[in-house]
Amino acid sequence: MSAAQYAPYLGKDLLGLEELSREQILGILDTSEPFKEISERTIKKVPVLRGKTIVNAFFENSTRTRISFEFAEKRLSADTVNFAASGSSVSKGETLVDTARNLEAMRIDMVVIRHGSSGAAHFLAERIASNVINAGDGKHEHPTQGLLDMLTIRDHLGKLEGARVCIVGDVLHSRVARSNIHGLRKVGAEVAVCGPKTLMPPHIEEMGVTVFRRIEEAIEWADALNVLRLQLERMTAGFVPSVREYNRVFGVSTERIEKAPRDILILHPGPMNRGVEIDSAVADGPHSVILQQVTNGVAIRMAVLYLLAGGKPDTAEAAKTGTNL
């Protein structure tokens, strides 16, 4: 398939938010709005991607992202194939590109990939003709998570421009943080980060963010907190004294949230470590929009699939009624 056959709106792939323009990001958010309604119907399906085959290739464990993509694909009537590294030829030493080329030889249309190595999605996109969607690669980006976080914030604040969003926790190891920073700044939001110095990337200020060293300062400043888990599986030693100490100094608790000068939103990309980065009373409390993030994730992924398949933001309303591309 030639490059000319791809819709120009997003290009061939969605690999990160750093590469997208403000207009493209807002276009994805706007495209997701009509798709929200499909998930509320009794029959949650439209034939927009009928005849398309999508492979979900997950080389790392996932619950929310994998299931959310699968729901999005099925609600658009695509045929889906789920691929996991365990139990496949990858465990026998097959390379990523050989795996992808073999899948493509079966005449697939799209690949959704999660991989532990930063740059894996770019590597794949350069070598196959199918559309590639990055579902998280190493510490690089997780673009659909960034988009669903932005949609959720916009739903509650009414706008993104001028909104103050603070990303709290393990920013160093977080691809979610990078996608949020790139996306939010492009649409005019103010972005800050807060956490231990050991969990901040070097020169993080150069990404255009404010750095808070105390969670109390972040809460006083922010309209929304996006709370990240400690990615202990990516740590060796020495990043934090203990999880108990981390919770004492940086944990988002009811006591701290009650001191906020405004009605603050609480987001979390999951999975949560309750009692570490966030207390259960906050995660389940009135400020939390965590479950709405999950709901919005399906609509965002439907929008991305639709746009990569050739749809346009201004035709999404018709698509939800069953109009094919």
C-alpha atoms as a PDB file:
ATOM      1  CA  MET A   1       0.000   0.000   0.000  1.00  0.00           C
ATOM      2  CA  SER A   2       1.447   3.376  -0.976  1.00  0.00           C
ATOM      3  CA  ALA A   3       1.743   6.319   1.372  1.00  0.00           C
ATOM      4  CA  ALA A   4      -0.712   8.254  -0.810  1.00  0.00           C
ATOM      5  CA  GLN A   5      -3.472   5.825   0.130  1.00  0.00           C
ATOM      6  CA  TYR A   6      -3.251   6.760   3.812  1.00  0.00           C
ATOM      7  CA  ALA A   7      -5.446   9.464   5.247  1.00  0.00           C
ATOM      8  CA  PRO A   8      -3.376  12.599   5.753  1.00  0.00           C
ATOM      9  CA  TYR A   9      -5.067  13.514   9.034  1.00  0.00           C
ATOM     10  CA  LEU A  10      -2.811  11.413  11.282  1.00  0.00           C
ATOM     11  CA  GLY A  11      -0.519   9.944   8.650  1.00  0.00           C
ATOM     12  CA  LYS A  12       0.248   6.237   8.605  1.00  0.00           C
ATOM     13  CA  ASP A  13       0.830   5.621  12.330  1.00  0.00           C
ATOM     14  CA  LEU A  14       0.243   6.911  15.854  1.00  0.00           C
ATOM     15  CA  LEU A  15       3.597   6.593  17.594  1.00  0.00           C
ATOM     16  CA  GLY A  16       3.579   9.488  20.063  1.00  0.00           C
ATOM     17  CA  LEU A  17       2.053  12.856  20.866  1.00  0.00           C
ATOM     18  CA  GLU A  18       5.370  14.661  20.456  1.00  0.00           C
ATOM     19  CA  GLU A  19       4.976  14.239  16.700  1.00  0.00           C
ATOM     20  CA  LEU A  20       1.403  15.539  16.472  1.00  0.00           C
ATOM     21  CA  SER A  21       0.227  19.119  16.039  1.00  0.00           C
ATOM     22  CA  ARG A  22      -2.216  20.908  18.307  1.00  0.00           C
ATOM     23  CA  GLU A  23      -4.877  20.561  15.599  1.00  0.00           C
ATOM     24  CA  GLN A  24      -4.337  16.810  15.256  1.00  0.00           C
ATOM     25  CA  ILE A  25      -4.570  16.269  19.017  1.00  0.00           C
ATOM     26  CA  LEU A  26      -7.755  18.303  19.336  1.00  0.00           C
ATOM     27  CA  GLY A  27      -9.105  16.519  16.254  1.00  0.00           C
ATOM     28  CA  ILE A  28      -8.662  13.125  17.935  1.00  0.00           C
ATOM     29  CA  LEU A  29     -10.398  14.390  21.087  1.00  0.00           C
ATOM     30  CA  ASP A  30     -13.280  15.808  19.040  1.00  0.00           C
ATOM     31  CA  THR A  31     -13.558  12.603  16.992  1.00  0.00           C
ATOM     32  CA  SER A  32     -13.910  10.578  20.188  1.00  0.00           C
ATOM     33  CA  GLU A  33     -17.012  12.482  21.317  1.00  0.00           C
ATOM     34  CA  PRO A  34     -19.493  10.772  18.940  1.00  0.00           C
ATOM     35  CA  PHE A  35     -17.942   7.394  19.734  1.00  0.00           C
ATOM     36  CA  LYS A  36     -18.693   7.779  23.456  1.00  0.00           C
ATOM     37  CA  GLU A  37     -22.374   7.280  22.705  1.00  0.00           C
ATOM     38  CA  ILE A  38     -21.834   3.910  20.991  1.00  0.00           C
ATOM     39  CA  SER A  39     -20.620   2.372  24.250  1.00  0.00           C
ATOM     40  CA  GLU A  40     -23.863   3.426  25.968  1.00  0.00           C
ATOM     41  CA  ARG A  41     -26.112   1.617  23.496  1.00  0.00           C
ATOM     42  CA  THR A  42     -27.704  -1.786  23.949  1.00  0.00           C
ATOM     43  CA  ILE A  43     -25.984  -2.926  20.727  1.00  0.00           C
ATOM     44  CA  LYS A  44     -22.470  -1.504  20.978  1.00  0.00           C
ATOM     45  CA  LYS A  45     -21.329  -1.949  17.389  1.00  0.00           C
ATOM     46  CA  VAL A  46     -21.087  -0.036  14.109  1.00  0.00           C
ATOM     47  CA  PRO A  47     -19.679  -1.423  10.818  1.00  0.00           C
ATOM     48  CA  VAL A  48     -17.058   1.288  10.288  1.00  0.00           C
ATOM     49  CA  LEU A  49     -14.047  -1.073  10.179  1.00  0.00           C
ATOM     50  CA  ARG A  50     -15.817  -4.157   8.844  1.00  0.00           C
ATOM     51  CA  GLY A  51     -13.337  -6.197   6.820  1.00  0.00           C
ATOM     52  CA  LYS A  52     -10.263  -4.725   8.566  1.00  0.00           C
ATOM     53  CA  THR A  53      -7.949  -7.058  10.491  1.00  0.00           C
ATOM     54  CA  ILE A  54      -6.093  -5.706  13.529  1.00  0.00           C
ATOM     55  CA  VAL A  55      -3.378  -7.516  15.475  1.00  0.00           C
ATOM     56  CA  ASN A  56      -2.855  -6.628  19.142  1.00  0.00           C
ATOM     57  CA  ALA A  57       0.803  -7.503  19.716  1.00  0.00           C
ATOM     58  CA  PHE A  58       1.588  -7.173  23.415  1.00  0.00           C
ATOM     59  CA  PHE A  59       5.158  -7.989  24.418  1.00  0.00           C
ATOM     60  CA  GLU A  60       4.513  -6.670  27.952  1.00  0.00           C
ATOM     61  CA  ASN A  61       1.696  -7.453  30.361  1.00  0.00           C
ATOM     62  CA  SER A  62      -1.391  -5.273  30.103  1.00  0.00           C
ATOM     63  CA  THR A  63      -4.969  -5.318  31.334  1.00  0.00           C
ATOM     64  CA  ARG A  64      -6.693  -1.969  30.700  1.00  0.00           C
ATOM     65  CA  THR A  65      -4.907  -0.987  27.492  1.00  0.00           C
ATOM     66  CA  ARG A  66      -5.177  -4.379  25.793  1.00  0.00           C
ATOM     67  CA  ILE A  67      -8.835  -4.896  26.698  1.00  0.00           C
ATOM     68  CA  SER A  68      -9.691  -1.279  25.829  1.00  0.00           C
ATOM     69  CA  PHE A  69      -8.165  -1.626  22.358  1.00  0.00           C
ATOM     70  CA  GLU A  70      -9.982  -4.908  21.828  1.00  0.00           C
ATOM     71  CA  PHE A  71     -13.321  -3.344  22.821  1.00  0.00           C
ATOM     72  CA  ALA A  72     -12.646  -0.393  20.500  1.00  0.00           C
ATOM     73  CA  GLU A  73     -11.827  -2.691  17.580  1.00  0.00           C
ATOM     74  CA  LYS A  74     -14.851  -4.926  18.100  1.00  0.00           C
ATOM     75  CA  ARG A  75     -17.224  -1.980  18.494  1.00  0.00           C
ATOM     76  CA  LEU A  76     -16.045  -0.762  15.087  1.00  0.00           C
ATOM     77  CA  SER A  77     -16.591  -4.313  13.686  1.00  0.00           C
ATOM     78  CA  ALA A  78     -12.921  -5.060  12.939  1.00  0.00           C
ATOM     79  CA  ASP A  79     -11.570  -8.610  13.062  1.00  0.00           C
ATOM     80  CA  THR A  80      -9.038  -8.857  15.889  1.00  0.00           C
ATOM     81  CA  VAL A  81      -6.154 -11.196  16.644  1.00  0.00           C
ATOM     82  CA  ASN A  82      -4.456 -11.091  20.039  1.00  0.00           C
ATOM     83  CA  PHE A  83      -0.757 -11.917  20.122  1.00  0.00           C
ATOM     84  CA  ALA A  84       1.315 -12.348  23.273  1.00  0.00           C
ATOM     85  CA  ALA A  85       5.055 -12.913  23.408  1.00  0.00           C
ATOM     86  CA  SER A  86       4.719 -15.813  25.826  1.00  0.00           C
ATOM     87  CA  GLY A  87       3.751 -18.956  23.976  1.00  0.00           C
ATOM     88  CA  SER A  88       4.771 -17.500  20.591  1.00  0.00           C
ATOM     89  CA  SER A  89       7.895 -17.883  18.469  1.00  0.00           C
ATOM     90  CA  VAL A  90       9.308 -14.825  20.230  1.00  0.00           C
ATOM     91  CA  SER A  91      10.090 -17.153  23.125  1.00  0.00           C
ATOM     92  CA  LYS A  92      12.113 -19.191  20.620  1.00  0.00           C
ATOM     93  CA  GLY A  93      14.228 -16.217  19.600  1.00  0.00           C
ATOM     94  CA  GLU A  94      12.231 -14.729  16.726  1.00  0.00           C
ATOM     95  CA  THR A  95      12.902 -11.014  16.239  1.00  0.00           C
ATOM     96  CA  LEU A  96      10.277  -8.275  16.389  1.00  0.00           C
ATOM     97  CA  VAL A  97      10.527  -7.475  12.692  1.00  0.00           C
ATOM     98  CA  ASP A  98      10.313 -11.145  11.653  1.00  0.00           C
ATOM     99  CA  THR A  99       7.227 -11.560  13.805  1.00  0.00           C
ATOM    100  CA  ALA A 100       5.638  -8.472  12.239  1.00  0.00           C
ATOM    101  CA  ARG A 101       6.487  -9.463   8.682  1.00  0.00           C
ATOM    102  CA  ASN A 102       4.988 -12.885   9.215  1.00  0.00           C
ATOM    103  CA  LEU A 103       1.825 -11.303  10.581  1.00  0.00           C
ATOM    104  CA  GLU A 104       1.714  -8.892   7.654  1.00  0.00           C
ATOM    105  CA  ALA A 105       2.086 -11.791   5.217  1.00  0.00           C
ATOM    106  CA  MET A 106      -1.349 -12.816   6.515  1.00  0.00           C
ATOM    107  CA  ARG A 107      -2.655  -9.500   5.080  1.00  0.00           C
ATOM    108  CA  ILE A 108      -3.406  -7.563   8.252  1.00  0.00           C
ATOM    109  CA  ASP A 109      -4.313  -3.873   8.224  1.00  0.00           C
ATOM    110  CA  MET A 110      -3.123  -2.550  11.598  1.00  0.00           C
ATOM    111  CA  VAL A 111      -0.846  -3.518  14.470  1.00  0.00           C
ATOM    112  CA  VAL A 112      -1.299  -2.274  18.037  1.00  0.00           C
ATOM    113  CA  ILE A 113       2.016  -2.847  19.796  1.00  0.00           C
ATOM    114  CA  ARG A 114       3.188  -2.682  23.392  1.00  0.00           C
ATOM    115  CA  HIS A 115       6.863  -3.365  23.930  1.00  0.00           C
ATOM    116  CA  GLY A 116       9.412  -2.975  26.721  1.00  0.00           C
ATOM    117  CA  SER A 117      11.958  -1.213  24.497  1.00  0.00           C
ATOM    118  CA  SER A 118      11.712   2.502  23.790  1.00  0.00           C
ATOM    119  CA  GLY A 119      11.466   3.047  20.051  1.00  0.00           C
ATOM    120  CA  ALA A 120      10.011  -0.386  19.257  1.00  0.00           C
ATOM    121  CA  ALA A 121       6.869   1.094  17.701  1.00  0.00           C
ATOM    122  CA  HIS A 122       8.936   3.412  15.469  1.00  0.00           C
ATOM    123  CA  PHE A 123      11.189   0.498  14.492  1.00  0.00           C
ATOM    124  CA  LEU A 124       8.171  -1.553  13.468  1.00  0.00           C
ATOM    125  CA  ALA A 125       6.403   1.288  11.635  1.00  0.00           C
ATOM    126  CA  GLU A 126       9.433   1.880   9.432  1.00  0.00           C
ATOM    127  CA  ARG A 127       9.469  -1.750   8.302  1.00  0.00           C
ATOM    128  CA  ILE A 128       5.864  -2.706   7.601  1.00  0.00           C
ATOM    129  CA  ALA A 129       3.153  -1.136   5.457  1.00  0.00           C
ATOM    130  CA  SER A 130       0.353  -1.687   7.972  1.00  0.00           C
ATOM    131  CA  ASN A 131      -0.720   1.096  10.321  1.00  0.00           C
ATOM    132  CA  VAL A 132       1.095   0.931  13.666  1.00  0.00           C
ATOM    133  CA  ILE A 133      -0.354   2.217  16.933  1.00  0.00           C
ATOM    134  CA  ASN A 134       1.944   2.572  19.927  1.00  0.00           C
ATOM    135  CA  ALA A 135       0.286   1.117  23.031  1.00  0.00           C
ATOM    136  CA  GLY A 136       3.350   1.937  25.146  1.00  0.00           C
ATOM    137  CA  ASP A 137       7.036   1.454  24.365  1.00  0.00           C
ATOM    138  CA  GLY A 138       9.560   1.348  27.190  1.00  0.00           C
ATOM    139  CA  LYS A 139       9.928   4.766  28.822  1.00  0.00           C
ATOM    140  CA  HIS A 140       9.173   6.604  25.574  1.00  0.00           C
ATOM    141  CA  GLU A 141       5.431   7.276  25.109  1.00  0.00           C
ATOM    142  CA  HIS A 142       1.914   5.946  25.602  1.00  0.00           C
ATOM    143  CA  PRO A 143      -0.063   8.236  23.284  1.00  0.00           C
ATOM    144  CA  THR A 144      -3.584   6.872  23.703  1.00  0.00           C
ATOM    145  CA  GLN A 145      -3.252   7.092  27.502  1.00  0.00           C
ATOM    146  CA  GLY A 146      -2.187  10.715  27.166  1.00  0.00           C
ATOM    147  CA  LEU A 147      -5.165  11.408  24.905  1.00  0.00           C
ATOM    148  CA  LEU A 148      -7.713   9.777  27.216  1.00  0.00           C
ATOM    149  CA  ASP A 149      -6.296  11.698  30.169  1.00  0.00           C
ATOM    150  CA  MET A 150      -6.687  14.939  28.213  1.00  0.00           C
ATOM    151  CA  LEU A 151     -10.243  14.041  27.194  1.00  0.00           C
ATOM    152  CA  THR A 152     -11.174  13.325  30.811  1.00  0.00           C
ATOM    153  CA  ILE A 153      -9.730  16.630  31.998  1.00  0.00           C
ATOM    154  CA  ARG A 154     -11.562  18.493  29.226  1.00  0.00           C
ATOM    155  CA  ASP A 155     -14.830  16.756  30.120  1.00  0.00           C
ATOM    156  CA  HIS A 156     -14.649  18.160  33.662  1.00  0.00           C
ATOM    157  CA  LEU A 157     -12.928  21.521  33.237  1.00  0.00           C
ATOM    158  CA  GLY A 158     -14.560  22.381  29.924  1.00  0.00           C
ATOM    159  CA  LYS A 159     -11.233  23.270  28.319  1.00  0.00           C
ATOM    160  CA  LEU A 160      -7.570  22.341  28.243  1.00  0.00           C
ATOM    161  CA  GLU A 161      -6.022  25.687  27.414  1.00  0.00           C
ATOM    162  CA  GLY A 162      -4.885  27.294  30.659  1.00  0.00           C
ATOM    163  CA  ALA A 163      -5.647  24.195  32.750  1.00  0.00           C
ATOM    164  CA  ARG A 164      -3.043  23.403  35.409  1.00  0.00           C
ATOM    165  CA  VAL A 165      -2.116  19.723  35.471  1.00  0.00           C
ATOM    166  CA  CYS A 166       0.500  18.255  37.792  1.00  0.00           C
ATOM    167  CA  ILE A 167       1.933  14.785  37.168  1.00  0.00           C
ATOM    168  CA  VAL A 168       2.883  13.237  40.507  1.00  0.00           C
ATOM    169  CA  GLY A 169       5.212  10.350  41.230  1.00  0.00           C
ATOM    170  CA  ASP A 170       7.571   8.184  39.221  1.00  0.00           C
ATOM    171  CA  VAL A 171       8.076  10.466  36.211  1.00  0.00           C
ATOM    172  CA  LEU A 172      11.499   8.954  35.470  1.00  0.00           C
ATOM    173  CA  HIS A 173      10.142   5.592  34.335  1.00  0.00           C
ATOM    174  CA  SER A 174       6.790   6.822  32.987  1.00  0.00           C
ATOM    175  CA  ARG A 175       5.845   6.822  29.312  1.00  0.00           C
ATOM    176  CA  VAL A 176       2.446   8.149  30.421  1.00  0.00           C
ATOM    177  CA  ALA A 177       4.115  11.253  31.863  1.00  0.00           C
ATOM    178  CA  ARG A 178       5.923  11.977  28.597  1.00  0.00           C
ATOM    179  CA  SER A 179       2.778  11.672  26.491  1.00  0.00           C
ATOM    180  CA  ASN A 180       0.851  13.875  28.929  1.00  0.00           C
ATOM    181  CA  ILE A 181       3.559  16.533  28.915  1.00  0.00           C
ATOM    182  CA  HIS A 182       3.819  16.636  25.115  1.00  0.00           C
ATOM    183  CA  GLY A 183       0.059  16.585  24.551  1.00  0.00           C
ATOM    184  CA  LEU A 184      -1.030  18.993  27.272  1.00  0.00           C
ATOM    185  CA  ARG A 185       1.592  21.604  26.430  1.00  0.00           C
ATOM    186  CA  LYS A 186       0.623  21.551  22.752  1.00  0.00           C
ATOM    187  CA  VAL A 187      -2.982  22.419  23.559  1.00  0.00           C
ATOM    188  CA  GLY A 188      -2.033  25.252  25.901  1.00  0.00           C
ATOM    189  CA  ALA A 189      -2.240  23.654  29.345  1.00  0.00           C
ATOM    190  CA  GLU A 190       0.249  24.453  32.093  1.00  0.00           C
ATOM    191  CA  VAL A 191       2.087  21.319  33.203  1.00  0.00           C
ATOM    192  CA  ALA A 192       4.029  20.584  36.381  1.00  0.00           C
ATOM    193  CA  VAL A 193       5.657  17.493  37.865  1.00  0.00           C
ATOM    194  CA  CYS A 194       6.114  16.525  41.492  1.00  0.00           C
ATOM    195  CA  GLY A 195       8.091  13.742  43.103  1.00  0.00           C
ATOM    196  CA  PRO A 196      11.436  12.765  44.577  1.00  0.00           C
ATOM    197  CA  LYS A 197      14.460  14.082  42.729  1.00  0.00           C
ATOM    198  CA  THR A 198      15.567  10.484  42.202  1.00  0.00           C
ATOM    199  CA  LEU A 199      12.395   9.826  40.194  1.00  0.00           C
ATOM    200  CA  MET A 200      12.713  12.849  37.908  1.00  0.00           C
ATOM    201  CA  PRO A 201      14.468  12.671  34.524  1.00  0.00           C
ATOM    202  CA  PRO A 202      17.572  14.856  34.282  1.00  0.00           C
ATOM    203  CA  HIS A 203      16.813  18.356  32.978  1.00  0.00           C
ATOM    204  CA  ILE A 204      13.044  17.761  33.121  1.00  0.00           C
ATOM    205  CA  GLU A 205      12.565  21.552  33.170  1.00  0.00           C
ATOM    206  CA  GLU A 206      13.684  21.630  29.524  1.00  0.00           C
ATOM    207  CA  MET A 207      10.388  19.946  28.607  1.00  0.00           C
ATOM    208  CA  GLY A 208       8.643  23.153  29.666  1.00  0.00           C
ATOM    209  CA  VAL A 209       7.284  21.973  33.007  1.00  0.00           C
ATOM    210  CA  THR A 210       7.329  23.409  36.508  1.00  0.00           C
ATOM    211  CA  VAL A 211       8.930  21.177  39.154  1.00  0.00           C
ATOM    212  CA  PHE A 212       7.473  20.893  42.651  1.00  0.00           C
ATOM    213  CA  ARG A 213       9.367  19.097  45.399  1.00  0.00           C
ATOM    214  CA  ARG A 214       6.455  19.050  47.866  1.00  0.00           C
ATOM    215  CA  ILE A 215       3.085  17.461  47.162  1.00  0.00           C
ATOM    216  CA  GLU A 216       1.363  20.187  49.178  1.00  0.00           C
ATOM    217  CA  GLU A 217       2.648  22.829  46.741  1.00  0.00           C
ATOM    218  CA  ALA A 218       1.440  20.796  43.770  1.00  0.00           C
ATOM    219  CA  ILE A 219      -2.050  20.416  45.240  1.00  0.00           C
ATOM    220  CA  GLU A 220      -2.253  24.143  45.968  1.00  0.00           C
ATOM    221  CA  TRP A 221      -1.301  24.942  42.346  1.00  0.00           C
ATOM    222  CA  ALA A 222      -3.144  22.329  40.289  1.00  0.00           C
ATOM    223  CA  ASP A 223      -6.599  21.937  38.783  1.00  0.00           C
ATOM    224  CA  ALA A 224      -5.859  18.241  38.226  1.00  0.00           C
ATOM    225  CA  LEU A 225      -3.378  15.712  39.587  1.00  0.00           C
ATOM    226  CA  ASN A 226      -2.361  12.757  37.420  1.00  0.00           C
ATOM    227  CA  VAL A 227      -0.944  10.326  39.972  1.00  0.00           C
ATOM    228  CA  LEU A 228       1.601   7.763  38.762  1.00  0.00           C
ATOM    229  CA  ARG A 229       2.451   4.480  40.431  1.00  0.00           C
ATOM    230  CA  LEU A 230       5.944   3.589  41.546  1.00  0.00           C
ATOM    231  CA  GLN A 231       7.219   1.285  38.790  1.00  0.00           C
ATOM    232  CA  LEU A 232       9.129  -0.956  41.163  1.00  0.00           C
ATOM    233  CA  GLU A 233       9.650  -3.554  38.432  1.00  0.00           C
ATOM    234  CA  ARG A 234      11.825  -1.042  36.533  1.00  0.00           C
ATOM    235  CA  MET A 235      13.853  -0.031  39.593  1.00  0.00           C
ATOM    236  CA  THR A 236      17.006  -1.609  40.957  1.00  0.00           C
ATOM    237  CA  ALA A 237      17.662   0.117  44.294  1.00  0.00           C
ATOM    238  CA  GLY A 238      18.032   3.504  45.903  1.00  0.00           C
ATOM    239  CA  PHE A 239      15.195   5.411  44.220  1.00  0.00           C
ATOM    240  CA  VAL A 240      13.085   5.724  47.407  1.00  0.00           C
ATOM    241  CA  PRO A 241      13.907   4.701  50.999  1.00  0.00           C
ATOM    242  CA  SER A 242      10.721   2.586  51.220  1.00  0.00           C
ATOM    243  CA  VAL A 243       7.152   2.609  49.924  1.00  0.00           C
ATOM    244  CA  ARG A 244       5.972   3.623  53.396  1.00  0.00           C
ATOM    245  CA  GLU A 245       8.267   6.633  53.377  1.00  0.00           C
ATOM    246  CA  TYR A 246       7.156   7.522  49.841  1.00  0.00           C
ATOM    247  CA  ASN A 247       3.514   7.473  50.940  1.00  0.00           C
ATOM    248  CA  ARG A 248       4.307   9.640  53.957  1.00  0.00           C
ATOM    249  CA  VAL A 249       6.022  12.332  51.865  1.00  0.00           C
ATOM    250  CA  PHE A 250       4.300  12.175  48.457  1.00  0.00           C
ATOM    251  CA  GLY A 251       1.139  10.092  48.906  1.00  0.00           C
ATOM    252  CA  VAL A 252      -2.101  11.702  47.746  1.00  0.00           C
ATOM    253  CA  SER A 253      -4.293  11.470  50.829  1.00  0.00           C
ATOM    254  CA  THR A 254      -7.719  12.809  51.818  1.00  0.00           C
ATOM    255  CA  GLU A 255      -6.098  15.074  54.389  1.00  0.00           C
ATOM    256  CA  ARG A 256      -3.952  16.693  51.704  1.00  0.00           C
ATOM    257  CA  ILE A 257      -6.719  16.936  49.081  1.00  0.00           C
ATOM    258  CA  GLU A 258      -9.078  18.630  51.548  1.00  0.00           C
ATOM    259  CA  LYS A 259      -6.617  21.515  51.800  1.00  0.00           C
ATOM    260  CA  ALA A 260      -6.802  22.229  48.052  1.00  0.00           C
ATOM    261  CA  PRO A 261      -8.036  25.766  47.299  1.00  0.00           C
ATOM    262  CA  ARG A 262     -10.249  24.485  44.471  1.00  0.00           C
ATOM    263  CA  ASP A 263     -12.188  21.351  43.444  1.00  0.00           C
ATOM    264  CA  ILE A 264      -9.236  19.305  42.216  1.00  0.00           C
ATOM    265  CA  LEU A 265      -9.503  16.352  39.806  1.00  0.00           C
ATOM    266  CA  ILE A 266      -7.664  13.108  40.581  1.00  0.00           C
ATOM    267  CA  LEU A 267      -6.518  10.918  37.695  1.00  0.00           C
ATOM    268  CA  HIS A 268      -4.496   7.706  37.685  1.00  0.00           C
ATOM    269  CA  PRO A 269      -3.480   5.651  34.614  1.00  0.00           C
ATOM    270  CA  GLY A 270      -3.517   2.379  36.566  1.00  0.00           C
ATOM    271  CA  PRO A 271      -2.696  -0.045  37.921  1.00  0.00           C
ATOM    272  CA  MET A 272      -2.886   1.606  41.323  1.00  0.00           C
ATOM    273  CA  ASN A 273      -0.764   0.830  44.347  1.00  0.00           C
ATOM    274  CA  ARG A 274      -3.317   1.774  46.978  1.00  0.00           C
ATOM    275  CA  GLY A 275      -1.736   3.069  50.127  1.00  0.00           C
ATOM    276  CA  VAL A 276       1.472   3.992  48.293  1.00  0.00           C
ATOM    277  CA  GLU A 277       1.012   6.794  45.748  1.00  0.00           C
ATOM    278  CA  ILE A 278      -2.708   7.202  46.439  1.00  0.00           C
ATOM    279  CA  ASP A 279      -4.988   6.379  49.352  1.00  0.00           C
ATOM    280  CA  SER A 280      -8.134   4.337  48.709  1.00  0.00           C
ATOM    281  CA  ALA A 281     -10.359   7.102  50.073  1.00  0.00           C
ATOM    282  CA  VAL A 282      -9.031   9.422  47.357  1.00  0.00           C
ATOM    283  CA  ALA A 283      -9.091   6.847  44.546  1.00  0.00           C
ATOM    284  CA  ASP A 284     -12.727   6.040  45.323  1.00  0.00           C
ATOM    285  CA  GLY A 285     -13.727   9.531  46.455  1.00  0.00           C
ATOM    286  CA  PRO A 286     -15.638  12.438  44.899  1.00  0.00           C
ATOM    287  CA  HIS A 287     -12.559  14.026  43.305  1.00  0.00           C
ATOM    288  CA  SER A 288     -11.612  10.844  41.426  1.00  0.00           C
ATOM    289  CA  VAL A 289     -12.272  10.513  37.682  1.00  0.00           C
ATOM    290  CA  ILE A 290     -10.272   7.294  37.366  1.00  0.00           C
ATOM    291  CA  LEU A 291     -13.137   5.122  36.120  1.00  0.00           C
ATOM    292  CA  GLN A 292     -14.136   7.792  33.602  1.00  0.00           C
ATOM    293  CA  GLN A 293     -10.588   7.577  32.249  1.00  0.00           C
ATOM    294  CA  VAL A 294     -11.202   3.886  31.564  1.00  0.00           C
ATOM    295  CA  THR A 295     -14.497   4.641  29.815  1.00  0.00           C
ATOM    296  CA  ASN A 296     -12.937   7.431  27.752  1.00  0.00           C
ATOM    297  CA  GLY A 297     -10.092   5.113  26.775  1.00  0.00           C
ATOM    298  CA  VAL A 298     -12.404   3.053  24.581  1.00  0.00           C
ATOM    299  CA  ALA A 299     -13.750   6.163  22.804  1.00  0.00           C
ATOM    300  CA  ILE A 300     -10.242   7.562  22.246  1.00  0.00           C
ATOM    301  CA  ARG A 301      -9.011   4.278  20.782  1.00  0.00           C
ATOM    302  CA  MET A 302     -12.073   4.049  18.550  1.00  0.00           C
ATOM    303  CA  ALA A 303     -11.260   7.560  17.306  1.00  0.00           C
ATOM    304  CA  VAL A 304      -7.616   6.690  16.598  1.00  0.00           C
ATOM    305  CA  LEU A 305      -8.539   3.516  14.721  1.00  0.00           C
ATOM    306  CA  TYR A 306     -11.161   5.407  12.721  1.00  0.00           C
ATOM    307  CA  LEU A 307      -8.786   8.216  11.745  1.00  0.00           C
ATOM    308  CA  LEU A 308      -5.935   5.885  10.787  1.00  0.00           C
ATOM    309  CA  ALA A 309      -8.344   3.882   8.638  1.00  0.00           C
ATOM    310  CA  GLY A 310      -9.164   7.001   6.616  1.00  0.00           C
ATOM    311  CA  GLY A 311     -11.859   8.740   8.630  1.00  0.00           C
ATOM    312  CA  LYS A 312     -12.038  12.473   9.337  1.00  0.00           C
ATOM    313  CA  PRO A 313     -13.069  14.333  12.478  1.00  0.00           C
ATOM    314  CA  ASP A 314     -15.996  15.955  10.663  1.00  0.00           C
ATOM    315  CA  THR A 315     -17.423  12.595   9.538  1.00  0.00           C
ATOM    316  CA  ALA A 316     -17.274  10.855  12.931  1.00  0.00           C
ATOM    317  CA  GLU A 317     -20.860  11.848  13.762  1.00  0.00           C
ATOM    318  CA  ALA A 318     -22.078  10.032  10.643  1.00  0.00           C
ATOM    319  CA  ALA A 319     -19.833   7.054  11.423  1.00  0.00           C
ATOM    320  CA  LYS A 320     -21.540   6.410  14.728  1.00  0.00           C
ATOM    321  CA  THR A 321     -24.797   5.817  12.848  1.00  0.00           C
ATOM    322  CA  GLY A 322     -23.150   3.032  10.863  1.00  0.00           C
ATOM    323  CA  THR A 323     -21.808   4.860   7.807  1.00  0.00           C
ATOM    324  CA  ASN A 324     -18.781   3.023   6.416  1.00  0.00           C
ATOM    325  CA  LEU A 325     -15.549   4.731   5.426  1.00  0.00           C
END
